[in-house]
C-alpha atoms as a PDB file:
ATOM      1  CA  MET A   1      18.653  30.533 -33.325  1.00  0.00           C
ATOM      2  CA  PHE A   2      20.198  28.749 -36.329  1.00  0.00           C
ATOM      3  CA  PRO A   3      17.453  26.939 -38.300  1.00  0.00           C
ATOM      4  CA  LYS A   4      19.705  26.653 -41.354  1.00  0.00           C
ATOM      5  CA  ILE A   5      23.224  25.258 -41.085  1.00  0.00           C
ATOM      6  CA  ILE A   6      24.278  25.723 -44.705  1.00  0.00           C
ATOM      7  CA  GLU A   7      22.358  27.401 -47.530  1.00  0.00           C
ATOM      8  CA  PHE A   8      22.974  27.232 -51.281  1.00  0.00           C
ATOM      9  CA  GLY A   9      20.545  29.361 -53.237  1.00  0.00           C
ATOM     10  CA  GLY A  10      17.104  27.964 -52.513  1.00  0.00           C
ATOM     11  CA  PHE A  11      18.410  24.802 -50.849  1.00  0.00           C
ATOM     12  CA  PHE A  12      19.616  24.514 -47.274  1.00  0.00           C
ATOM     13  CA  LEU A  13      20.565  21.969 -44.626  1.00  0.00           C
ATOM     14  CA  PRO A  14      18.065  22.349 -41.748  1.00  0.00           C
ATOM     15  CA  ALA A  15      19.560  22.246 -38.273  1.00  0.00           C
ATOM     16  CA  TYR A  16      16.613  20.249 -36.972  1.00  0.00           C
ATOM     17  CA  GLY A  17      16.932  17.511 -39.579  1.00  0.00           C
ATOM     18  CA  PHE A  18      20.697  17.355 -39.147  1.00  0.00           C
ATOM     19  CA  LEU A  19      20.452  16.957 -35.363  1.00  0.00           C
ATOM     20  CA  VAL A  20      17.670  14.369 -35.647  1.00  0.00           C
ATOM     21  CA  ALA A  21      19.964  12.373 -37.934  1.00  0.00           C
ATOM     22  CA  LEU A  22      22.767  12.647 -35.372  1.00  0.00           C
ATOM     23  CA  GLY A  23      20.347  11.537 -32.683  1.00  0.00           C
ATOM     24  CA  PHE A  24      19.381   8.505 -34.732  1.00  0.00           C
ATOM     25  CA  LEU A  25      23.023   7.515 -35.150  1.00  0.00           C
ATOM     26  CA  ALA A  26      23.764   8.069 -31.448  1.00  0.00           C
ATOM     27  CA  GLY A  27      20.730   6.027 -30.433  1.00  0.00           C
ATOM     28  CA  LEU A  28      21.649   3.253 -32.867  1.00  0.00           C
ATOM     29  CA  TRP A  29      25.177   3.102 -31.449  1.00  0.00           C
ATOM     30  CA  VAL A  30      23.889   2.807 -27.886  1.00  0.00           C
ATOM     31  CA  VAL A  31      21.304   0.160 -28.783  1.00  0.00           C
ATOM     32  CA  LYS A  32      23.800  -1.961 -30.730  1.00  0.00           C
ATOM     33  CA  ARG A  33      26.351  -1.663 -27.929  1.00  0.00           C
ATOM     34  CA  LEU A  34      23.868  -2.913 -25.341  1.00  0.00           C
ATOM     35  CA  ALA A  35      22.494  -5.609 -27.657  1.00  0.00           C
ATOM     36  CA  ALA A  36      26.003  -7.025 -28.058  1.00  0.00           C
ATOM     37  CA  THR A  37      26.215  -7.636 -24.316  1.00  0.00           C
ATOM     38  CA  ILE A  38      23.232 -10.047 -24.309  1.00  0.00           C
ATOM     39  CA  PRO A  39      23.938 -10.909 -27.180  1.00  0.00           C
ATOM     40  CA  LEU A  40      21.107 -10.290 -29.645  1.00  0.00           C
ATOM     41  CA  ASP A  41      21.233 -10.587 -33.436  1.00  0.00           C
ATOM     42  CA  GLU A  42      22.841  -7.354 -34.693  1.00  0.00           C
ATOM     43  CA  GLU A  43      21.038  -7.346 -38.041  1.00  0.00           C
ATOM     44  CA  LYS A  44      17.622  -7.784 -36.445  1.00  0.00           C
ATOM     45  CA  ILE A  45      18.317  -5.016 -33.931  1.00  0.00           C
ATOM     46  CA  THR A  46      19.560  -2.620 -36.632  1.00  0.00           C
ATOM     47  CA  ASN A  47      16.497  -3.289 -38.773  1.00  0.00           C
ATOM     48  CA  LEU A  48      14.260  -2.730 -35.767  1.00  0.00           C
ATOM     49  CA  VAL A  49      15.887   0.645 -35.067  1.00  0.00           C
ATOM     50  CA  ILE A  50      15.267   1.725 -38.673  1.00  0.00           C
ATOM     51  CA  TYR A  51      11.639   0.575 -38.670  1.00  0.00           C
ATOM     52  CA  CYS A  52      11.009   2.319 -35.347  1.00  0.00           C
ATOM     53  CA  ALA A  53      12.583   5.540 -36.615  1.00  0.00           C
ATOM     54  CA  LEU A  54      10.342   5.558 -39.696  1.00  0.00           C
ATOM     55  CA  ALA A  55       7.273   4.731 -37.611  1.00  0.00           C
ATOM     56  CA  GLY A  56       8.244   7.457 -35.144  1.00  0.00           C
ATOM     57  CA  LEU A  57       8.402  10.098 -37.857  1.00  0.00           C
ATOM     58  CA  ALA A  58       5.042   8.982 -39.267  1.00  0.00           C
ATOM     59  CA  GLY A  59       3.378   8.827 -35.854  1.00  0.00           C
ATOM     60  CA  ALA A  60       4.650  12.260 -34.835  1.00  0.00           C
ATOM     61  CA  LYS A  61       3.146  13.832 -37.962  1.00  0.00           C
ATOM     62  CA  LEU A  62      -0.096  11.845 -37.636  1.00  0.00           C
ATOM     63  CA  PHE A  63      -0.703  13.033 -34.078  1.00  0.00           C
ATOM     64  CA  MET A  64       0.169  16.587 -35.106  1.00  0.00           C
ATOM     65  CA  PHE A  65      -2.623  16.425 -37.685  1.00  0.00           C
ATOM     66  CA  LEU A  66      -5.033  14.897 -35.151  1.00  0.00           C
ATOM     67  CA  PHE A  67      -4.287  17.487 -32.468  1.00  0.00           C
ATOM     68  CA  ASP A  68      -4.796  20.412 -34.882  1.00  0.00           C
ATOM     69  CA  TRP A  69      -7.350  18.764 -37.151  1.00  0.00           C
ATOM     70  CA  SER A  70      -9.701  21.757 -37.369  1.00  0.00           C
ATOM     71  CA  ALA A  71      -6.853  24.063 -38.415  1.00  0.00           C
ATOM     72  CA  PHE A  72      -5.648  21.668 -41.117  1.00  0.00           C
ATOM     73  CA  ILE A  73      -9.183  21.112 -42.422  1.00  0.00           C
ATOM     74  CA  ALA A  74      -9.677  24.887 -42.651  1.00  0.00           C
ATOM     75  CA  HIS A  75      -6.442  25.150 -44.679  1.00  0.00           C
ATOM     76  CA  PRO A  76      -5.941  21.807 -46.502  1.00  0.00           C
ATOM     77  CA  SER A  77      -2.855  23.089 -48.310  1.00  0.00           C
ATOM     78  CA  ASP A  78      -1.056  23.098 -44.943  1.00  0.00           C
ATOM     79  CA  PHE A  79      -0.988  19.278 -44.966  1.00  0.00           C
ATOM     80  CA  LEU A  80       1.854  19.334 -47.482  1.00  0.00           C
ATOM     81  CA  SER A  81       3.337  22.755 -46.747  1.00  0.00           C
ATOM     82  CA  PHE A  82       7.030  23.170 -46.071  1.00  0.00           C
ATOM     83  CA  SER A  83       6.353  24.343 -42.521  1.00  0.00           C
ATOM     84  CA  THR A  84       4.431  21.112 -41.860  1.00  0.00           C
ATOM     85  CA  LEU A  85       7.266  19.000 -43.226  1.00  0.00           C
ATOM     86  CA  GLN A  86       9.727  21.023 -41.125  1.00  0.00           C
ATOM     87  CA  ALA A  87       7.655  20.669 -37.935  1.00  0.00           C
ATOM     88  CA  ALA A  88       8.823  18.146 -35.362  1.00  0.00           C
ATOM     89  CA  GLY A  89       5.337  16.755 -34.798  1.00  0.00           C
ATOM     90  CA  VAL A  90       4.128  15.192 -31.545  1.00  0.00           C
ATOM     91  CA  TYR A  91       6.860  13.086 -29.953  1.00  0.00           C
ATOM     92  CA  GLN A  92       4.460  10.905 -27.995  1.00  0.00           C
ATOM     93  CA  GLY A  93       2.538  10.050 -31.156  1.00  0.00           C
ATOM     94  CA  GLY A  94       5.778   8.941 -32.766  1.00  0.00           C
ATOM     95  CA  PHE A  95       6.737   6.966 -29.675  1.00  0.00           C
ATOM     96  CA  LEU A  96       3.418   5.128 -29.470  1.00  0.00           C
ATOM     97  CA  LEU A  97       3.402   4.120 -33.141  1.00  0.00           C
ATOM     98  CA  ALA A  98       7.064   3.100 -32.970  1.00  0.00           C
ATOM     99  CA  LEU A  99       6.321   1.026 -29.857  1.00  0.00           C
ATOM    100  CA  GLY A 100       3.534  -0.785 -31.675  1.00  0.00           C
ATOM    101  CA  VAL A 101       5.829  -1.514 -34.618  1.00  0.00           C
ATOM    102  CA  ALA A 102       8.567  -2.657 -32.233  1.00  0.00           C
ATOM    103  CA  ILE A 103       6.317  -5.113 -30.398  1.00  0.00           C
ATOM    104  CA  PHE A 104       5.076  -6.570 -33.695  1.00  0.00           C
ATOM    105  CA  TYR A 105       8.638  -6.934 -35.037  1.00  0.00           C
ATOM    106  CA  ILE A 106       9.981  -8.389 -31.783  1.00  0.00           C
ATOM    107  CA  ARG A 107       7.231 -11.011 -31.672  1.00  0.00           C
ATOM    108  CA  LYS A 108       7.612 -11.883 -35.343  1.00  0.00           C
ATOM    109  CA  HIS A 109      11.386 -12.368 -35.143  1.00  0.00           C
ATOM    110  CA  GLY A 110      11.488 -14.161 -31.809  1.00  0.00           C
ATOM    111  CA  LEU A 111      13.408 -11.534 -29.850  1.00  0.00           C
ATOM    112  CA  PRO A 112      12.938 -11.338 -26.070  1.00  0.00           C
ATOM    113  CA  LEU A 113      10.291  -8.633 -25.654  1.00  0.00           C
ATOM    114  CA  PHE A 114      11.199  -6.893 -22.409  1.00  0.00           C
ATOM    115  CA  THR A 115      14.964  -7.309 -22.798  1.00  0.00           C
ATOM    116  CA  THR A 116      14.783  -5.736 -26.248  1.00  0.00           C
ATOM    117  CA  LEU A 117      12.670  -2.841 -24.959  1.00  0.00           C
ATOM    118  CA  ASP A 118      15.179  -2.346 -22.129  1.00  0.00           C
ATOM    119  CA  ILE A 119      17.991  -2.132 -24.675  1.00  0.00           C
ATOM    120  CA  PHE A 120      16.121   0.507 -26.634  1.00  0.00           C
ATOM    121  CA  ALA A 121      15.268   2.752 -23.672  1.00  0.00           C
ATOM    122  CA  PRO A 122      18.657   4.532 -23.307  1.00  0.00           C
ATOM    123  CA  GLY A 123      18.910   4.899 -27.092  1.00  0.00           C
ATOM    124  CA  ILE A 124      15.460   6.492 -27.273  1.00  0.00           C
ATOM    125  CA  ALA A 125      16.401   8.985 -24.571  1.00  0.00           C
ATOM    126  CA  ILE A 126      19.689  10.052 -26.155  1.00  0.00           C
ATOM    127  CA  GLY A 127      18.130  10.299 -29.608  1.00  0.00           C
ATOM    128  CA  HIS A 128      15.349  12.437 -28.173  1.00  0.00           C
ATOM    129  CA  ALA A 129      17.910  14.727 -26.543  1.00  0.00           C
ATOM    130  CA  PHE A 130      19.492  15.458 -29.924  1.00  0.00           C
ATOM    131  CA  GLY A 131      16.046  16.041 -31.396  1.00  0.00           C
ATOM    132  CA  ARG A 132      15.194  18.635 -28.758  1.00  0.00           C
ATOM    133  CA  ILE A 133      18.454  20.462 -29.427  1.00  0.00           C
ATOM    134  CA  GLY A 134      17.314  20.484 -33.039  1.00  0.00           C
ATOM    135  CA  CYS A 135      13.996  21.982 -31.928  1.00  0.00           C
ATOM    136  CA  PHE A 136      15.890  24.728 -30.122  1.00  0.00           C
ATOM    137  CA  ALA A 137      17.955  25.479 -33.214  1.00  0.00           C
ATOM    138  CA  ALA A 138      14.849  25.628 -35.400  1.00  0.00           C
ATOM    139  CA  GLY A 139      12.726  27.559 -32.902  1.00  0.00           C
ATOM    140  CA  CYS A 140       9.897  25.024 -32.635  1.00  0.00           C
ATOM    141  CA  CYS A 141       8.380  23.628 -29.425  1.00  0.00           C
ATOM    142  CA  TYR A 142       9.172  26.939 -27.718  1.00  0.00           C
ATOM    143  CA  GLY A 143       8.201  27.950 -24.222  1.00  0.00           C
ATOM    144  CA  THR A 144       5.987  30.556 -22.653  1.00  0.00           C
ATOM    145  CA  GLU A 145       7.226  33.968 -21.576  1.00  0.00           C
ATOM    146  CA  CYS A 146       9.845  33.803 -18.831  1.00  0.00           C
ATOM    147  CA  ASP A 147      11.334  36.356 -16.418  1.00  0.00           C
ATOM    148  CA  ARG A 148      14.107  34.070 -15.161  1.00  0.00           C
ATOM    149  CA  PRO A 149      17.813  34.774 -15.783  1.00  0.00           C
ATOM    150  CA  TRP A 150      18.051  31.741 -18.093  1.00  0.00           C
ATOM    151  CA  ALA A 151      15.282  32.934 -20.423  1.00  0.00           C
ATOM    152  CA  VAL A 152      16.186  32.919 -24.128  1.00  0.00           C
ATOM    153  CA  ARG A 153      15.291  35.356 -26.913  1.00  0.00           C
ATOM    154  CA  PHE A 154      14.941  34.174 -30.485  1.00  0.00           C
ATOM    155  CA  THR A 155      16.193  36.706 -32.983  1.00  0.00           C
ATOM    156  CA  ASN A 156      16.441  34.830 -36.304  1.00  0.00           C
ATOM    157  CA  ILE A 157      13.723  35.873 -38.753  1.00  0.00           C
ATOM    158  CA  GLU A 158      14.024  32.517 -40.525  1.00  0.00           C
ATOM    159  CA  ALA A 159      13.074  30.727 -37.305  1.00  0.00           C
ATOM    160  CA  TYR A 160       9.969  32.914 -37.063  1.00  0.00           C
ATOM    161  CA  LYS A 161       8.994  32.192 -40.670  1.00  0.00           C
ATOM    162  CA  MET A 162       9.396  28.436 -40.198  1.00  0.00           C
ATOM    163  CA  THR A 163       7.885  27.925 -36.762  1.00  0.00           C
ATOM    164  CA  GLY A 164       6.168  31.147 -35.701  1.00  0.00           C
ATOM    165  CA  VAL A 165       8.383  31.507 -32.631  1.00  0.00           C
ATOM    166  CA  PRO A 166       8.057  35.060 -31.240  1.00  0.00           C
ATOM    167  CA  LEU A 167      11.178  37.164 -31.626  1.00  0.00           C
ATOM    168  CA  GLU A 168      12.872  39.349 -29.011  1.00  0.00           C
ATOM    169  CA  ILE A 169      10.636  38.015 -26.220  1.00  0.00           C
ATOM    170  CA  PRO A 170      12.187  36.145 -23.240  1.00  0.00           C
ATOM    171  CA  LEU A 171      10.927  32.571 -23.284  1.00  0.00           C
ATOM    172  CA  HIS A 172      11.421  29.411 -21.262  1.00  0.00           C
ATOM    173  CA  PRO A 173      14.019  27.290 -23.116  1.00  0.00           C
ATOM    174  CA  THR A 174      11.756  24.243 -22.847  1.00  0.00           C
ATOM    175  CA  GLN A 175      13.673  22.505 -25.621  1.00  0.00           C
ATOM    176  CA  LEU A 176      16.854  22.683 -23.546  1.00  0.00           C
ATOM    177  CA  TYR A 177      15.015  21.608 -20.400  1.00  0.00           C
ATOM    178  CA  GLU A 178      13.959  18.464 -22.210  1.00  0.00           C
ATOM    179  CA  ALA A 179      17.298  17.881 -23.924  1.00  0.00           C
ATOM    180  CA  SER A 180      19.137  18.102 -20.602  1.00  0.00           C
ATOM    181  CA  PHE A 181      16.682  15.790 -18.879  1.00  0.00           C
ATOM    182  CA  ASN A 182      16.890  13.215 -21.654  1.00  0.00           C
ATOM    183  CA  LEU A 183      20.686  13.187 -21.545  1.00  0.00           C
ATOM    184  CA  LEU A 184      20.594  12.551 -17.798  1.00  0.00           C
ATOM    185  CA  LEU A 185      17.875   9.935 -18.270  1.00  0.00           C
ATOM    186  CA  ALA A 186      19.901   8.165 -20.961  1.00  0.00           C
ATOM    187  CA  GLY A 187      22.888   7.968 -18.624  1.00  0.00           C
ATOM    188  CA  PHE A 188      20.771   6.639 -15.768  1.00  0.00           C
ATOM    189  CA  LEU A 189      19.074   4.011 -17.939  1.00  0.00           C
ATOM    190  CA  TYR A 190      22.405   2.901 -19.394  1.00  0.00           C
ATOM    191  CA  TRP A 191      23.772   2.497 -15.855  1.00  0.00           C
ATOM    192  CA  LEU A 192      20.633   0.666 -14.737  1.00  0.00           C
ATOM    193  CA  PHE A 193      20.857  -1.758 -17.652  1.00  0.00           C
ATOM    194  CA  GLN A 194      24.433  -2.618 -16.664  1.00  0.00           C
ATOM    195  CA  LYS A 195      23.060  -3.815 -13.296  1.00  0.00           C
ATOM    196  CA  ARG A 196      21.108  -6.534 -15.145  1.00  0.00           C
ATOM    197  CA  PRO A 197      17.735  -5.898 -13.474  1.00  0.00           C
ATOM    198  CA  GLN A 198      14.636  -7.976 -14.118  1.00  0.00           C
ATOM    199  CA  PRO A 199      13.673  -7.640 -17.844  1.00  0.00           C
ATOM    200  CA  GLY A 200      11.257  -4.768 -18.349  1.00  0.00           C
ATOM    201  CA  LEU A 201      12.445  -2.632 -15.452  1.00  0.00           C
ATOM    202  CA  VAL A 202      14.652  -0.325 -17.543  1.00  0.00           C
ATOM    203  CA  PHE A 203      11.852   0.346 -20.016  1.00  0.00           C
ATOM    204  CA  ALA A 204       9.400   0.838 -17.130  1.00  0.00           C
ATOM    205  CA  ALA A 205      11.789   3.396 -15.633  1.00  0.00           C
ATOM    206  CA  TYR A 206      11.951   5.222 -18.971  1.00  0.00           C
ATOM    207  CA  LEU A 207       8.166   5.341 -19.317  1.00  0.00           C
ATOM    208  CA  SER A 208       7.642   6.532 -15.757  1.00  0.00           C
ATOM    209  CA  LEU A 209      10.420   9.111 -15.456  1.00  0.00           C
ATOM    210  CA  TYR A 210       9.975  10.677 -18.882  1.00  0.00           C
ATOM    211  CA  SER A 211       6.190  10.839 -18.455  1.00  0.00           C
ATOM    212  CA  ILE A 212       6.545  12.671 -15.141  1.00  0.00           C
ATOM    213  CA  PHE A 213       8.981  15.158 -16.625  1.00  0.00           C
ATOM    214  CA  ARG A 214       6.942  15.695 -19.798  1.00  0.00           C
ATOM    215  CA  PHE A 215       3.785  16.308 -17.783  1.00  0.00           C
ATOM    216  CA  GLY A 216       5.583  19.026 -15.811  1.00  0.00           C
ATOM    217  CA  VAL A 217       7.422  20.756 -18.643  1.00  0.00           C
ATOM    218  CA  GLU A 218       4.159  21.110 -20.591  1.00  0.00           C
ATOM    219  CA  PHE A 219       3.131  23.856 -18.164  1.00  0.00           C
ATOM    220  CA  PHE A 220       5.987  25.978 -19.546  1.00  0.00           C
ATOM    221  CA  ARG A 221       5.405  25.276 -23.254  1.00  0.00           C
ATOM    222  CA  HIS A 222       3.419  27.384 -25.670  1.00  0.00           C
ATOM    223  CA  HIS A 223       0.266  25.595 -26.862  1.00  0.00           C
ATOM    224  CA  GLU A 224      -2.213  26.388 -29.589  1.00  0.00           C
ATOM    225  CA  GLN A 225      -4.224  23.208 -29.004  1.00  0.00           C
ATOM    226  CA  ALA A 226      -7.301  23.337 -26.808  1.00  0.00           C
ATOM    227  CA  LEU A 227      -6.989  22.158 -23.210  1.00  0.00           C
ATOM    228  CA  THR A 228      -9.137  19.404 -21.721  1.00  0.00           C
ATOM    229  CA  ALA A 229      -9.863  19.823 -18.006  1.00  0.00           C
ATOM    230  CA  GLY A 230      -6.955  22.258 -17.876  1.00  0.00           C
ATOM    231  CA  LEU A 231      -4.443  19.825 -19.381  1.00  0.00           C
ATOM    232  CA  SER A 232      -2.970  19.535 -22.873  1.00  0.00           C
ATOM    233  CA  ASN A 233      -3.328  16.423 -25.004  1.00  0.00           C
ATOM    234  CA  THR A 234       0.308  15.555 -24.389  1.00  0.00           C
ATOM    235  CA  GLN A 235      -0.220  15.784 -20.630  1.00  0.00           C
ATOM    236  CA  TRP A 236      -3.102  13.315 -20.827  1.00  0.00           C
ATOM    237  CA  ILE A 237      -0.914  10.976 -22.878  1.00  0.00           C
ATOM    238  CA  SER A 238       1.828  11.433 -20.270  1.00  0.00           C
ATOM    239  CA  LEU A 239      -0.546  10.309 -17.536  1.00  0.00           C
ATOM    240  CA  ALA A 240      -1.416   7.213 -19.579  1.00  0.00           C
ATOM    241  CA  THR A 241       2.228   6.306 -20.262  1.00  0.00           C
ATOM    242  CA  LEU A 242       3.085   6.969 -16.615  1.00  0.00           C
ATOM    243  CA  ALA A 243       0.385   4.498 -15.586  1.00  0.00           C
ATOM    244  CA  ALA A 244       1.759   1.973 -18.092  1.00  0.00           C
ATOM    245  CA  GLY A 245       5.286   2.436 -16.737  1.00  0.00           C
ATOM    246  CA  LEU A 246       4.191   2.035 -13.130  1.00  0.00           C
ATOM    247  CA  ILE A 247       2.164  -1.094 -13.932  1.00  0.00           C
ATOM    248  CA  LEU A 248       5.076  -2.613 -15.858  1.00  0.00           C
ATOM    249  CA  GLY A 249       7.466  -1.767 -13.027  1.00  0.00           C
ATOM    250  CA  TRP A 250       5.086  -3.287 -10.463  1.00  0.00           C
ATOM    251  CA  ARG A 251       4.644  -6.481 -12.487  1.00  0.00           C
ATOM    252  CA  THR A 252       8.412  -6.718 -12.921  1.00  0.00           C
ATOM    253  CA  SER A 253       8.912  -6.378  -9.167  1.00  0.00           C
ATOM    254  CA  VAL A 254       6.257  -9.024  -8.470  1.00  0.00           C
ATOM    255  CA  ALA A 255       7.927 -11.387 -10.934  1.00  0.00           C
ATOM    256  CA  LEU A 256      11.279 -10.771  -9.247  1.00  0.00           C
ATOM    257  CA  GLY A 257       9.733 -11.528  -5.850  1.00  0.00           C
ATOM    258  CA  ARG A 258       8.531 -14.898  -7.145  1.00  0.00           C
ATOM    259  CA  LEU A 259      11.996 -16.061  -8.201  1.00  0.00           C
ATOM    260  CA  PRO A 260      13.408 -18.891  -6.069  1.00  0.00           C
ATOM    261  CA  ARG A 261      15.840 -17.729  -3.404  1.00  0.00           C
ATOM    262  CA  ALA A 262      19.365 -19.133  -3.337  1.00  0.00           C
ATOM    263  CA  SER A 263      19.916 -21.385  -0.313  1.00  0.00           C
END
């Protein structure tokens, strides 16, 4: 599609990086807006968003290396290649590392754990939506061949050079599937938060719903990684995060059931 927005000689503004930056700003705006309704300390929340974003980028690259370790070991120069830096990485790896950083920061600074995670859930979803639009623009995370009317054909040679996306072949627009779902999920989570549910329920809903969707959309994505029992690594992670979401949602419901009833 359009992997480069503006190009000056050998320098260019990548569409993926630009849209990820927009996603960060959109997510930050949503998180700060929800935090103000509690209210929670704005400076602490802003710092937490920044730390999570940095951890997310690092975790996404780390899991990318782990998933394709044999390929990187065979070609060590690829660790620092431009295509590696341009690659989106593994979202779930970024999410898991960012979650670990978030829990540590929340505990250290005395923020309410589940309420803070609930605040972040809609922001994560909307930021992820922008990121997937960036993937579509760059040509990464592309789908398998598709014979449906909504199939897309990549034609930009620069996209092929950067990501290896096949040109002139109808593919599932998996990036747009995920972007659309995340936008809808962000809206639902924002609405759910406004209902003031038991702390932890919004984040549990994010974990559960996104994991279900990600598990399904993986069947339509191109994969170079080896499958385990017929499933990709990201599908196995999705099953684990789905279980975590369901357990958190169940515990939240049990806690709600234990609250004293008004007479």
